[in-house]
Amino acid sequence: MTTPRSHGLLRAGNYTEAADTVCLTYDARFIRRKKLVSDGGTTFHVDLGETVSLNDGDGFTLQDGRVIRVVAAEEPLLEITGPGLPRLAWHIGNRHTPCQIGPDRLLIRVDHVLEHMLRGLGADICPVSEPFLPEGGAYGHGRTMGHSHDAEAHAASEGHGHSHAEAHSHSHNHTHGEAHEHGHSHAEAHSHADGHAQNDAHDHSQVDAPVHSHPHRHTS
């Protein structure tokens, strides 16, 4: 029996019914090509045209017309509370770390260096296990990724190098907007540790995002 494939997806709210669900962590929701197994036991191959950041409720469309809905899986997080949350959120954002912002708390992935810094700023921090739904890019589907201090840093590439449509985690920080339908454009913003932001003002784009190989590889 041929394993079904998914070459496309539907964003949350753009479909009414799903045949099955698949639970994915934040890292696993950054994907282009990967074999997945749904919660109901269906194995399917994801083979998208570009790397995308999935939100809770998005759906993979299979060749036979079925939709597999994405569910954000629970994962270890740090809950940040205490006085001065806007100030704490600023310090987190200054390090280009994904952050889920609530009215009375912040959530970040486990990072012991950031935890130490935030405690020094007066934050109360408690480990929790919840779905991680951080703020996206300017259009809701981008990612902010920075240097990670823990081993569980994101592993989101296809093993064939990186494209500029992907978010990177290196010794210097990048903030990436969402990947455009027509490939890489210079409308991405790159924030570097030296504080210089290179915002593309160019109006030209490339059909295929250039691939940059690095000594290390990430797997999605």
C-alpha atoms as a PDB file:
ATOM      1  CA  MET A   1       0.000   0.000   0.000  1.00  0.00           C
ATOM      2  CA  THR A   2       1.382   3.378  -1.019  1.00  0.00           C
ATOM      3  CA  THR A   3       2.080   5.803   1.800  1.00  0.00           C
ATOM      4  CA  PRO A   4      -0.057   8.936   1.298  1.00  0.00           C
ATOM      5  CA  ARG A   5       1.750  12.207   0.703  1.00  0.00           C
ATOM      6  CA  SER A   6       0.967  15.775   1.596  1.00  0.00           C
ATOM      7  CA  HIS A   7       2.097  18.506  -0.786  1.00  0.00           C
ATOM      8  CA  GLY A   8       0.047  21.296   0.746  1.00  0.00           C
ATOM      9  CA  LEU A   9      -1.588  22.618   3.872  1.00  0.00           C
ATOM     10  CA  LEU A  10      -4.583  24.650   4.958  1.00  0.00           C
ATOM     11  CA  ARG A  11      -4.277  27.302   7.614  1.00  0.00           C
ATOM     12  CA  ALA A  12      -6.472  27.092  10.694  1.00  0.00           C
ATOM     13  CA  GLY A  13      -9.988  28.300   9.973  1.00  0.00           C
ATOM     14  CA  ASN A  14      -9.788  27.551   6.238  1.00  0.00           C
ATOM     15  CA  TYR A  15     -11.315  24.071   6.442  1.00  0.00           C
ATOM     16  CA  THR A  16     -14.188  22.529   8.347  1.00  0.00           C
ATOM     17  CA  GLU A  17     -13.390  18.865   8.913  1.00  0.00           C
ATOM     18  CA  ALA A  18     -10.283  16.772   9.612  1.00  0.00           C
ATOM     19  CA  ALA A  19      -9.962  13.006   9.241  1.00  0.00           C
ATOM     20  CA  ASP A  20      -7.233  12.740  11.879  1.00  0.00           C
ATOM     21  CA  THR A  21      -4.798  14.742  13.997  1.00  0.00           C
ATOM     22  CA  VAL A  22      -1.036  14.804  14.477  1.00  0.00           C
ATOM     23  CA  CYS A  23       0.578  16.226  17.642  1.00  0.00           C
ATOM     24  CA  LEU A  24       3.767  18.191  16.986  1.00  0.00           C
ATOM     25  CA  THR A  25       6.096  20.161  19.252  1.00  0.00           C
ATOM     26  CA  TYR A  26       7.174  23.702  18.408  1.00  0.00           C
ATOM     27  CA  ASP A  27      10.356  22.448  16.721  1.00  0.00           C
ATOM     28  CA  ALA A  28       8.471  19.762  14.795  1.00  0.00           C
ATOM     29  CA  ARG A  29       6.019  22.389  13.536  1.00  0.00           C
ATOM     30  CA  PHE A  30       8.849  23.914  11.474  1.00  0.00           C
ATOM     31  CA  ILE A  31       8.834  21.558   8.530  1.00  0.00           C
ATOM     32  CA  ARG A  32       9.287  20.934   4.847  1.00  0.00           C
ATOM     33  CA  ARG A  33       9.899  17.211   4.287  1.00  0.00           C
ATOM     34  CA  LYS A  34       9.300  14.532   6.899  1.00  0.00           C
ATOM     35  CA  LYS A  35       7.489  11.263   7.525  1.00  0.00           C
ATOM     36  CA  LEU A  36       4.832  11.659  10.205  1.00  0.00           C
ATOM     37  CA  VAL A  37       2.426   9.306  11.961  1.00  0.00           C
ATOM     38  CA  SER A  38      -0.989  10.664  12.879  1.00  0.00           C
ATOM     39  CA  ASP A  39      -2.617  10.100  16.248  1.00  0.00           C
ATOM     40  CA  GLY A  40      -4.870   7.556  14.544  1.00  0.00           C
ATOM     41  CA  GLY A  41      -1.902   5.593  13.191  1.00  0.00           C
ATOM     42  CA  THR A  42      -1.802   6.884   9.596  1.00  0.00           C
ATOM     43  CA  THR A  43       1.732   7.209   8.227  1.00  0.00           C
ATOM     44  CA  PHE A  44       2.145   9.987   5.660  1.00  0.00           C
ATOM     45  CA  HIS A  45       4.980  11.857   3.994  1.00  0.00           C
ATOM     46  CA  VAL A  46       5.071  15.658   4.148  1.00  0.00           C
ATOM     47  CA  ASP A  47       6.688  17.097   1.028  1.00  0.00           C
ATOM     48  CA  LEU A  48       6.032  20.837   0.882  1.00  0.00           C
ATOM     49  CA  GLY A  49       7.419  23.314  -1.611  1.00  0.00           C
ATOM     50  CA  GLU A  50       9.135  25.331   1.111  1.00  0.00           C
ATOM     51  CA  THR A  51       9.811  25.237   4.814  1.00  0.00           C
ATOM     52  CA  VAL A  52       6.821  26.496   6.779  1.00  0.00           C
ATOM     53  CA  SER A  53       6.001  27.300  10.393  1.00  0.00           C
ATOM     54  CA  LEU A  54       2.803  25.517  11.399  1.00  0.00           C
ATOM     55  CA  ASN A  55       0.280  26.814  13.886  1.00  0.00           C
ATOM     56  CA  ASP A  56      -2.054  24.812  16.078  1.00  0.00           C
ATOM     57  CA  GLY A  57      -5.095  24.001  13.932  1.00  0.00           C
ATOM     58  CA  ASP A  58      -3.365  24.074  10.531  1.00  0.00           C
ATOM     59  CA  GLY A  59      -4.028  21.017   8.374  1.00  0.00           C
ATOM     60  CA  PHE A  60      -1.955  18.830   6.039  1.00  0.00           C
ATOM     61  CA  THR A  61      -3.878  17.980   2.857  1.00  0.00           C
ATOM     62  CA  LEU A  62      -3.339  14.426   1.626  1.00  0.00           C
ATOM     63  CA  GLN A  63      -3.566  13.345  -2.006  1.00  0.00           C
ATOM     64  CA  ASP A  64      -6.780  11.453  -1.318  1.00  0.00           C
ATOM     65  CA  GLY A  65      -8.471  14.623  -0.026  1.00  0.00           C
ATOM     66  CA  ARG A  66      -8.199  13.939   3.695  1.00  0.00           C
ATOM     67  CA  VAL A  67      -6.962  16.643   6.076  1.00  0.00           C
ATOM     68  CA  ILE A  68      -4.703  15.862   9.046  1.00  0.00           C
ATOM     69  CA  ARG A  69      -5.069  18.612  11.643  1.00  0.00           C
ATOM     70  CA  VAL A  70      -1.971  19.828  13.502  1.00  0.00           C
ATOM     71  CA  VAL A  71      -2.252  19.869  17.287  1.00  0.00           C
ATOM     72  CA  ALA A  72       0.398  21.664  19.348  1.00  0.00           C
ATOM     73  CA  ALA A  73       1.909  19.036  21.648  1.00  0.00           C
ATOM     74  CA  GLU A  74       2.716  19.615  25.298  1.00  0.00           C
ATOM     75  CA  GLU A  75       6.418  20.192  25.983  1.00  0.00           C
ATOM     76  CA  PRO A  76       8.627  21.407  28.861  1.00  0.00           C
ATOM     77  CA  LEU A  77       8.417  25.187  29.271  1.00  0.00           C
ATOM     78  CA  LEU A  78       9.252  27.899  31.777  1.00  0.00           C
ATOM     79  CA  GLU A  79       6.371  30.012  33.085  1.00  0.00           C
ATOM     80  CA  ILE A  80       7.485  33.534  33.957  1.00  0.00           C
ATOM     81  CA  THR A  81       5.440  35.694  36.309  1.00  0.00           C
ATOM     82  CA  GLY A  82       6.024  38.582  38.672  1.00  0.00           C
ATOM     83  CA  PRO A  83       6.062  42.367  38.502  1.00  0.00           C
ATOM     84  CA  GLY A  84       7.253  44.163  35.406  1.00  0.00           C
ATOM     85  CA  LEU A  85       6.241  41.597  32.777  1.00  0.00           C
ATOM     86  CA  PRO A  86       6.635  44.086  29.889  1.00  0.00           C
ATOM     87  CA  ARG A  87      10.230  44.687  31.007  1.00  0.00           C
ATOM     88  CA  LEU A  88      10.891  40.950  31.237  1.00  0.00           C
ATOM     89  CA  ALA A  89       9.326  40.426  27.807  1.00  0.00           C
ATOM     90  CA  TRP A  90      11.633  43.117  26.404  1.00  0.00           C
ATOM     91  CA  HIS A  91      14.723  41.323  27.723  1.00  0.00           C
ATOM     92  CA  ILE A  92      13.493  38.024  26.267  1.00  0.00           C
ATOM     93  CA  GLY A  93      12.774  39.647  22.916  1.00  0.00           C
ATOM     94  CA  ASN A  94      16.160  41.332  22.953  1.00  0.00           C
ATOM     95  CA  ARG A  95      17.653  37.844  22.804  1.00  0.00           C
ATOM     96  CA  HIS A  96      15.403  36.818  19.920  1.00  0.00           C
ATOM     97  CA  THR A  97      13.919  33.992  21.947  1.00  0.00           C
ATOM     98  CA  PRO A  98      10.444  32.661  21.059  1.00  0.00           C
ATOM     99  CA  CYS A  99       7.992  33.788  23.740  1.00  0.00           C
ATOM    100  CA  GLN A 100       4.320  33.130  24.380  1.00  0.00           C
ATOM    101  CA  ILE A 101       2.779  36.273  25.847  1.00  0.00           C
ATOM    102  CA  GLY A 102      -0.261  36.136  28.117  1.00  0.00           C
ATOM    103  CA  PRO A 103      -1.991  38.820  30.197  1.00  0.00           C
ATOM    104  CA  ASP A 104      -0.304  37.705  33.416  1.00  0.00           C
ATOM    105  CA  ARG A 105       2.545  35.419  32.371  1.00  0.00           C
ATOM    106  CA  LEU A 106       5.170  34.631  29.747  1.00  0.00           C
ATOM    107  CA  LEU A 107       6.187  31.199  28.478  1.00  0.00           C
ATOM    108  CA  ILE A 108       9.558  30.276  26.986  1.00  0.00           C
ATOM    109  CA  ARG A 109      11.269  26.990  26.256  1.00  0.00           C
ATOM    110  CA  VAL A 110      13.645  25.664  28.891  1.00  0.00           C
ATOM    111  CA  ASP A 111      16.849  27.732  28.775  1.00  0.00           C
ATOM    112  CA  HIS A 112      18.925  27.782  31.936  1.00  0.00           C
ATOM    113  CA  VAL A 113      20.977  30.840  30.952  1.00  0.00           C
ATOM    114  CA  LEU A 114      17.834  32.884  30.306  1.00  0.00           C
ATOM    115  CA  GLU A 115      16.264  31.510  33.471  1.00  0.00           C
ATOM    116  CA  HIS A 116      19.219  32.752  35.525  1.00  0.00           C
ATOM    117  CA  MET A 117      19.063  36.184  33.861  1.00  0.00           C
ATOM    118  CA  LEU A 118      15.314  36.513  34.414  1.00  0.00           C
ATOM    119  CA  ARG A 119      15.543  35.490  38.067  1.00  0.00           C
ATOM    120  CA  GLY A 120      18.155  38.187  38.468  1.00  0.00           C
ATOM    121  CA  LEU A 121      15.617  40.664  37.105  1.00  0.00           C
ATOM    122  CA  GLY A 122      13.094  39.641  39.761  1.00  0.00           C
ATOM    123  CA  ALA A 123      11.029  37.117  37.775  1.00  0.00           C
ATOM    124  CA  ASP A 124       9.251  34.176  39.372  1.00  0.00           C
ATOM    125  CA  ILE A 125       9.836  31.086  37.233  1.00  0.00           C
ATOM    126  CA  CYS A 126       8.078  27.741  37.369  1.00  0.00           C
ATOM    127  CA  PRO A 127       8.550  24.706  35.072  1.00  0.00           C
ATOM    128  CA  VAL A 128       5.348  23.658  33.291  1.00  0.00           C
ATOM    129  CA  SER A 129       4.313  21.256  30.534  1.00  0.00           C
ATOM    130  CA  GLU A 130       2.003  22.882  27.975  1.00  0.00           C
ATOM    131  CA  PRO A 131       1.609  23.432  24.235  1.00  0.00           C
ATOM    132  CA  PHE A 132       3.988  26.209  23.147  1.00  0.00           C
ATOM    133  CA  LEU A 133       2.263  28.879  21.058  1.00  0.00           C
ATOM    134  CA  PRO A 134       4.665  31.821  20.858  1.00  0.00           C
ATOM    135  CA  GLU A 135       4.161  35.061  18.986  1.00  0.00           C
ATOM    136  CA  GLY A 136       4.646  34.620  15.235  1.00  0.00           C
ATOM    137  CA  GLY A 137       6.068  36.960  12.638  1.00  0.00           C
ATOM    138  CA  ALA A 138       4.447  40.104  11.336  1.00  0.00           C
ATOM    139  CA  TYR A 139       2.012  38.029   9.258  1.00  0.00           C
ATOM    140  CA  GLY A 140       1.357  35.357  11.865  1.00  0.00           C
ATOM    141  CA  HIS A 141       3.414  32.514  10.407  1.00  0.00           C
ATOM    142  CA  GLY A 142       7.007  33.638  10.856  1.00  0.00           C
ATOM    143  CA  ARG A 143       9.475  32.678  13.552  1.00  0.00           C
ATOM    144  CA  THR A 144      11.910  34.415  15.811  1.00  0.00           C
ATOM    145  CA  MET A 145      14.847  32.151  16.571  1.00  0.00           C
ATOM    146  CA  GLY A 146      18.006  33.032  18.422  1.00  0.00           C
ATOM    147  CA  HIS A 147      21.062  31.333  19.860  1.00  0.00           C
ATOM    148  CA  SER A 148      19.938  28.540  22.174  1.00  0.00           C
ATOM    149  CA  HIS A 149      21.849  27.620  25.284  1.00  0.00           C
ATOM    150  CA  ASP A 150      20.337  24.159  25.738  1.00  0.00           C
ATOM    151  CA  ALA A 151      20.622  20.891  23.864  1.00  0.00           C
ATOM    152  CA  GLU A 152      16.966  20.987  22.904  1.00  0.00           C
ATOM    153  CA  ALA A 153      17.542  23.952  20.587  1.00  0.00           C
ATOM    154  CA  HIS A 154      15.483  23.745  17.423  1.00  0.00           C
ATOM    155  CA  ALA A 155      16.389  21.079  14.899  1.00  0.00           C
ATOM    156  CA  ALA A 156      14.467  22.210  11.869  1.00  0.00           C
ATOM    157  CA  SER A 157      15.992  21.647   8.484  1.00  0.00           C
ATOM    158  CA  GLU A 158      16.026  18.898   5.909  1.00  0.00           C
ATOM    159  CA  GLY A 159      19.643  17.787   6.181  1.00  0.00           C
ATOM    160  CA  HIS A 160      20.468  19.543   2.900  1.00  0.00           C
ATOM    161  CA  GLY A 161      21.645  22.872   4.258  1.00  0.00           C
ATOM    162  CA  HIS A 162      19.555  25.949   5.061  1.00  0.00           C
ATOM    163  CA  SER A 163      17.600  28.325   2.897  1.00  0.00           C
ATOM    164  CA  HIS A 164      16.911  31.922   3.807  1.00  0.00           C
ATOM    165  CA  ALA A 165      13.261  30.979   4.166  1.00  0.00           C
ATOM    166  CA  GLU A 166      14.268  28.999   7.247  1.00  0.00           C
ATOM    167  CA  ALA A 167      14.991  30.396  10.681  1.00  0.00           C
ATOM    168  CA  HIS A 168      18.491  29.750  11.979  1.00  0.00           C
ATOM    169  CA  SER A 169      19.968  29.230  15.401  1.00  0.00           C
ATOM    170  CA  HIS A 170      23.650  30.158  15.419  1.00  0.00           C
ATOM    171  CA  SER A 171      26.125  32.074  17.495  1.00  0.00           C
ATOM    172  CA  HIS A 172      24.621  35.270  16.176  1.00  0.00           C
ATOM    173  CA  ASN A 173      20.912  35.915  16.158  1.00  0.00           C
ATOM    174  CA  HIS A 174      18.504  36.151  13.259  1.00  0.00           C
ATOM    175  CA  THR A 175      14.876  37.081  13.198  1.00  0.00           C
ATOM    176  CA  HIS A 176      13.113  35.744  10.172  1.00  0.00           C
ATOM    177  CA  GLY A 177       9.777  36.766   8.796  1.00  0.00           C
ATOM    178  CA  GLU A 178       7.566  34.225   7.235  1.00  0.00           C
ATOM    179  CA  ALA A 179       8.617  32.333   4.132  1.00  0.00           C
ATOM    180  CA  HIS A 180       6.909  33.790   1.068  1.00  0.00           C
ATOM    181  CA  GLU A 181       4.970  31.700  -1.419  1.00  0.00           C
ATOM    182  CA  HIS A 182       7.301  32.651  -4.237  1.00  0.00           C
ATOM    183  CA  GLY A 183      10.508  31.788  -2.465  1.00  0.00           C
ATOM    184  CA  HIS A 184      13.104  33.951  -0.803  1.00  0.00           C
ATOM    185  CA  SER A 185      12.772  37.696  -0.980  1.00  0.00           C
ATOM    186  CA  HIS A 186      14.938  40.389   0.465  1.00  0.00           C
ATOM    187  CA  ALA A 187      12.013  41.480   2.599  1.00  0.00           C
ATOM    188  CA  GLU A 188      13.356  39.330   5.411  1.00  0.00           C
ATOM    189  CA  ALA A 189      14.768  41.118   8.401  1.00  0.00           C
ATOM    190  CA  HIS A 190      17.996  39.820   9.943  1.00  0.00           C
ATOM    191  CA  SER A 191      18.792  40.974  13.441  1.00  0.00           C
ATOM    192  CA  HIS A 192      22.397  40.386  14.457  1.00  0.00           C
ATOM    193  CA  ALA A 193      24.017  40.408  17.862  1.00  0.00           C
ATOM    194  CA  ASP A 194      25.900  43.567  16.951  1.00  0.00           C
ATOM    195  CA  GLY A 195      22.553  45.347  17.017  1.00  0.00           C
ATOM    196  CA  HIS A 196      22.396  46.120  13.310  1.00  0.00           C
ATOM    197  CA  ALA A 197      19.121  45.176  11.634  1.00  0.00           C
ATOM    198  CA  GLN A 198      19.249  44.648   7.913  1.00  0.00           C
ATOM    199  CA  ASN A 199      15.732  45.194   6.646  1.00  0.00           C
ATOM    200  CA  ASP A 200      15.316  44.452   3.027  1.00  0.00           C
ATOM    201  CA  ALA A 201      13.986  47.326   1.068  1.00  0.00           C
ATOM    202  CA  HIS A 202      14.543  45.555  -2.211  1.00  0.00           C
ATOM    203  CA  ASP A 203      11.548  44.682  -4.282  1.00  0.00           C
ATOM    204  CA  HIS A 204      13.145  41.869  -6.227  1.00  0.00           C
ATOM    205  CA  SER A 205      12.797  38.214  -5.277  1.00  0.00           C
ATOM    206  CA  GLN A 206      14.056  34.825  -6.340  1.00  0.00           C
ATOM    207  CA  VAL A 207      11.893  31.922  -7.304  1.00  0.00           C
ATOM    208  CA  ASP A 208      14.135  29.492  -5.438  1.00  0.00           C
ATOM    209  CA  ALA A 209      15.656  30.350  -2.091  1.00  0.00           C
ATOM    210  CA  PRO A 210      19.468  29.989  -2.185  1.00  0.00           C
ATOM    211  CA  VAL A 211      20.754  27.130  -0.118  1.00  0.00           C
ATOM    212  CA  HIS A 212      23.600  27.733   2.290  1.00  0.00           C
ATOM    213  CA  SER A 213      25.362  24.702   3.656  1.00  0.00           C
ATOM    214  CA  HIS A 214      26.758  24.770   7.151  1.00  0.00           C
ATOM    215  CA  PRO A 215      29.161  22.418   8.942  1.00  0.00           C
ATOM    216  CA  HIS A 216      26.319  21.258  11.186  1.00  0.00           C
ATOM    217  CA  ARG A 217      22.889  20.120  10.127  1.00  0.00           C
ATOM    218  CA  HIS A 218      19.456  20.190  11.652  1.00  0.00           C
ATOM    219  CA  THR A 219      16.790  17.608  11.195  1.00  0.00           C
ATOM    220  CA  SER A 220      13.093  18.268  11.340  1.00  0.00           C
END
